[in-house]
C-alpha atoms as a PDB file:
ATOM      1  CA  PRO A   1     -10.162  -6.858 -15.477  1.00  0.00           C
ATOM      2  CA  GLU A   2      -8.643  -5.319 -18.563  1.00  0.00           C
ATOM      3  CA  ASP A   3      -7.917  -1.972 -17.012  1.00  0.00           C
ATOM      4  CA  VAL A   4      -5.705  -3.271 -14.145  1.00  0.00           C
ATOM      5  CA  ALA A   5      -2.451  -2.461 -15.925  1.00  0.00           C
ATOM      6  CA  ALA A   6      -3.493   1.134 -16.714  1.00  0.00           C
ATOM      7  CA  LEU A   7      -4.823   1.581 -13.209  1.00  0.00           C
ATOM      8  CA  ALA A   8      -1.581   0.257 -11.642  1.00  0.00           C
ATOM      9  CA  LYS A   9       0.466   2.682 -13.790  1.00  0.00           C
ATOM     10  CA  LEU A  10      -1.729   5.584 -12.571  1.00  0.00           C
ATOM     11  CA  GLN A  11      -1.447   4.375  -8.952  1.00  0.00           C
ATOM     12  CA  ARG A  12       2.376   4.232  -9.239  1.00  0.00           C
ATOM     13  CA  GLU A  13       2.423   7.806 -10.505  1.00  0.00           C
ATOM     14  CA  LEU A  14       0.122   9.002  -7.697  1.00  0.00           C
ATOM     15  CA  LEU A  15       2.076   7.251  -4.942  1.00  0.00           C
ATOM     16  CA  ALA A  16       5.394   8.496  -6.299  1.00  0.00           C
ATOM     17  CA  ALA A  17       3.985  12.084  -6.426  1.00  0.00           C
ATOM     18  CA  ALA A  18       2.761  11.798  -2.841  1.00  0.00           C
ATOM     19  CA  LEU A  19       6.162  10.662  -1.657  1.00  0.00           C
ATOM     20  CA  ARG A  20       7.850  13.483  -3.508  1.00  0.00           C
ATOM     21  CA  HIS A  21       5.573  16.047  -1.887  1.00  0.00           C
ATOM     22  CA  VAL A  22       5.621  14.918   1.706  1.00  0.00           C
ATOM     23  CA  ARG A  23       8.376  16.396   3.818  1.00  0.00           C
ATOM     24  CA  PRO A  24      11.538  14.278   4.373  1.00  0.00           C
ATOM     25  CA  GLY A  25      10.733  11.792   7.152  1.00  0.00           C
ATOM     26  CA  GLY A  26       6.998  12.138   6.428  1.00  0.00           C
ATOM     27  CA  VAL A  27       4.794   9.068   5.990  1.00  0.00           C
ATOM     28  CA  VAL A  28       2.459   8.287   3.113  1.00  0.00           C
ATOM     29  CA  ALA A  29      -0.271   5.680   3.415  1.00  0.00           C
ATOM     30  CA  TYR A  30      -1.065   3.793   0.182  1.00  0.00           C
ATOM     31  CA  VAL A  31      -4.562   2.445   0.458  1.00  0.00           C
ATOM     32  CA  THR A  32      -6.577   0.782  -2.278  1.00  0.00           C
ATOM     33  CA  CYS A  33      -9.732  -1.313  -2.367  1.00  0.00           C
ATOM     34  CA  SER A  34      -8.329  -3.906  -4.688  1.00  0.00           C
ATOM     35  CA  PRO A  35      -7.394  -7.561  -4.305  1.00  0.00           C
ATOM     36  CA  HIS A  36      -5.142  -7.503  -7.401  1.00  0.00           C
ATOM     37  CA  LEU A  37      -1.442  -7.871  -6.687  1.00  0.00           C
ATOM     38  CA  ALA A  38      -0.596  -5.548  -9.534  1.00  0.00           C
ATOM     39  CA  GLU A  39      -2.485  -2.763  -7.815  1.00  0.00           C
ATOM     40  CA  THR A  40      -1.455  -3.562  -4.296  1.00  0.00           C
ATOM     41  CA  VAL A  41       1.957  -5.049  -3.513  1.00  0.00           C
ATOM     42  CA  GLY A  42       3.180  -4.494  -7.052  1.00  0.00           C
ATOM     43  CA  VAL A  43       2.628  -0.726  -6.930  1.00  0.00           C
ATOM     44  CA  PHE A  44       3.728  -0.414  -3.337  1.00  0.00           C
ATOM     45  CA  THR A  45       7.001  -2.322  -3.506  1.00  0.00           C
ATOM     46  CA  GLY A  46       7.940  -0.886  -6.944  1.00  0.00           C
ATOM     47  CA  VAL A  47       7.606   2.691  -5.847  1.00  0.00           C
ATOM     48  CA  ALA A  48       9.310   2.010  -2.466  1.00  0.00           C
ATOM     49  CA  ARG A  49      12.339   0.537  -4.221  1.00  0.00           C
ATOM     50  CA  ARG A  50      12.500   3.182  -6.974  1.00  0.00           C
ATOM     51  CA  LEU A  51      12.369   6.068  -4.552  1.00  0.00           C
ATOM     52  CA  GLY A  52      14.344   4.470  -1.683  1.00  0.00           C
ATOM     53  CA  ALA A  53      11.445   4.867   0.761  1.00  0.00           C
ATOM     54  CA  GLU A  54      11.416   3.107   4.142  1.00  0.00           C
ATOM     55  CA  VAL A  55       8.661   0.507   4.425  1.00  0.00           C
ATOM     56  CA  LEU A  56       6.893   0.659   7.737  1.00  0.00           C
ATOM     57  CA  ASP A  57       4.956  -2.233   9.331  1.00  0.00           C
ATOM     58  CA  ALA A  58       1.288  -1.256   8.801  1.00  0.00           C
ATOM     59  CA  ARG A  59       0.122  -4.007  11.179  1.00  0.00           C
ATOM     60  CA  GLU A  60       1.309  -1.881  14.144  1.00  0.00           C
ATOM     61  CA  TYR A  61      -1.400   0.670  13.305  1.00  0.00           C
ATOM     62  CA  LEU A  62      -4.247  -1.897  13.364  1.00  0.00           C
ATOM     63  CA  PRO A  63      -3.707  -3.564  16.813  1.00  0.00           C
ATOM     64  CA  GLY A  64      -7.313  -4.647  17.202  1.00  0.00           C
ATOM     65  CA  VAL A  65      -7.580  -6.372  13.838  1.00  0.00           C
ATOM     66  CA  PRO A  66      -6.865 -10.118  13.856  1.00  0.00           C
ATOM     67  CA  ASP A  67      -5.268 -12.209  11.105  1.00  0.00           C
ATOM     68  CA  LEU A  68      -3.211  -9.527   9.398  1.00  0.00           C
ATOM     69  CA  GLY A  69      -0.586 -11.904   7.943  1.00  0.00           C
ATOM     70  CA  ASP A  70       3.187 -11.545   7.957  1.00  0.00           C
ATOM     71  CA  GLY A  71       3.353  -7.800   7.035  1.00  0.00           C
ATOM     72  CA  PRO A  72       4.685  -5.283   6.514  1.00  0.00           C
ATOM     73  CA  THR A  73       1.631  -4.467   4.386  1.00  0.00           C
ATOM     74  CA  VAL A  74      -1.976  -5.344   5.268  1.00  0.00           C
ATOM     75  CA  GLN A  75      -4.551  -6.960   2.982  1.00  0.00           C
ATOM     76  CA  LEU A  76      -8.060  -7.099   4.439  1.00  0.00           C
ATOM     77  CA  TRP A  77     -10.565  -9.586   3.046  1.00  0.00           C
ATOM     78  CA  PRO A  78     -14.409  -9.724   3.172  1.00  0.00           C
ATOM     79  CA  HIS A  79     -14.414 -13.352   4.371  1.00  0.00           C
ATOM     80  CA  ARG A  80     -11.828 -12.730   7.097  1.00  0.00           C
ATOM     81  CA  HIS A  81     -12.360  -9.179   8.244  1.00  0.00           C
ATOM     82  CA  GLY A  82     -15.886  -8.276   7.165  1.00  0.00           C
ATOM     83  CA  THR A  83     -14.544  -5.411   4.989  1.00  0.00           C
ATOM     84  CA  ASP A  84     -13.965  -4.830   1.363  1.00  0.00           C
ATOM     85  CA  ALA A  85     -10.670  -6.143  -0.057  1.00  0.00           C
ATOM     86  CA  MET A  86      -8.622  -3.173   1.313  1.00  0.00           C
ATOM     87  CA  PHE A  87      -4.833  -2.894   1.038  1.00  0.00           C
ATOM     88  CA  LEU A  88      -2.613  -0.697   3.275  1.00  0.00           C
ATOM     89  CA  GLY A  89       1.069   0.026   3.028  1.00  0.00           C
ATOM     90  CA  LEU A  90       3.059   2.741   4.734  1.00  0.00           C
ATOM     91  CA  LEU A  91       6.144   4.438   3.328  1.00  0.00           C
ATOM     92  CA  ARG A  92       8.430   6.964   4.958  1.00  0.00           C
ATOM     93  CA  ARG A  93      10.229   9.490   2.652  1.00  0.00           C
ATOM     94  CA  PRO A  94      13.990   9.427   3.118  1.00  0.00           C
END
């Protein structure tokens, strides 16, 4: 879709703002219902690097869900998990 770049920019801004507003040591969950790498891993890793946030292994919080991949983020798929294409990443503020 044509609006992925604009949406990814907005998502980076929102995730960065959330990290700035959570207390030091606090955790922010970045969740989006997108299969696009620019909106999922791209946003998540870019903000984590830029703000020096610790990346937590999101798979640990979904113990009953099979086939979660190598982590540390989780991408759920309709054909594997019976869900929408949901992405989950967890960041701890330094």
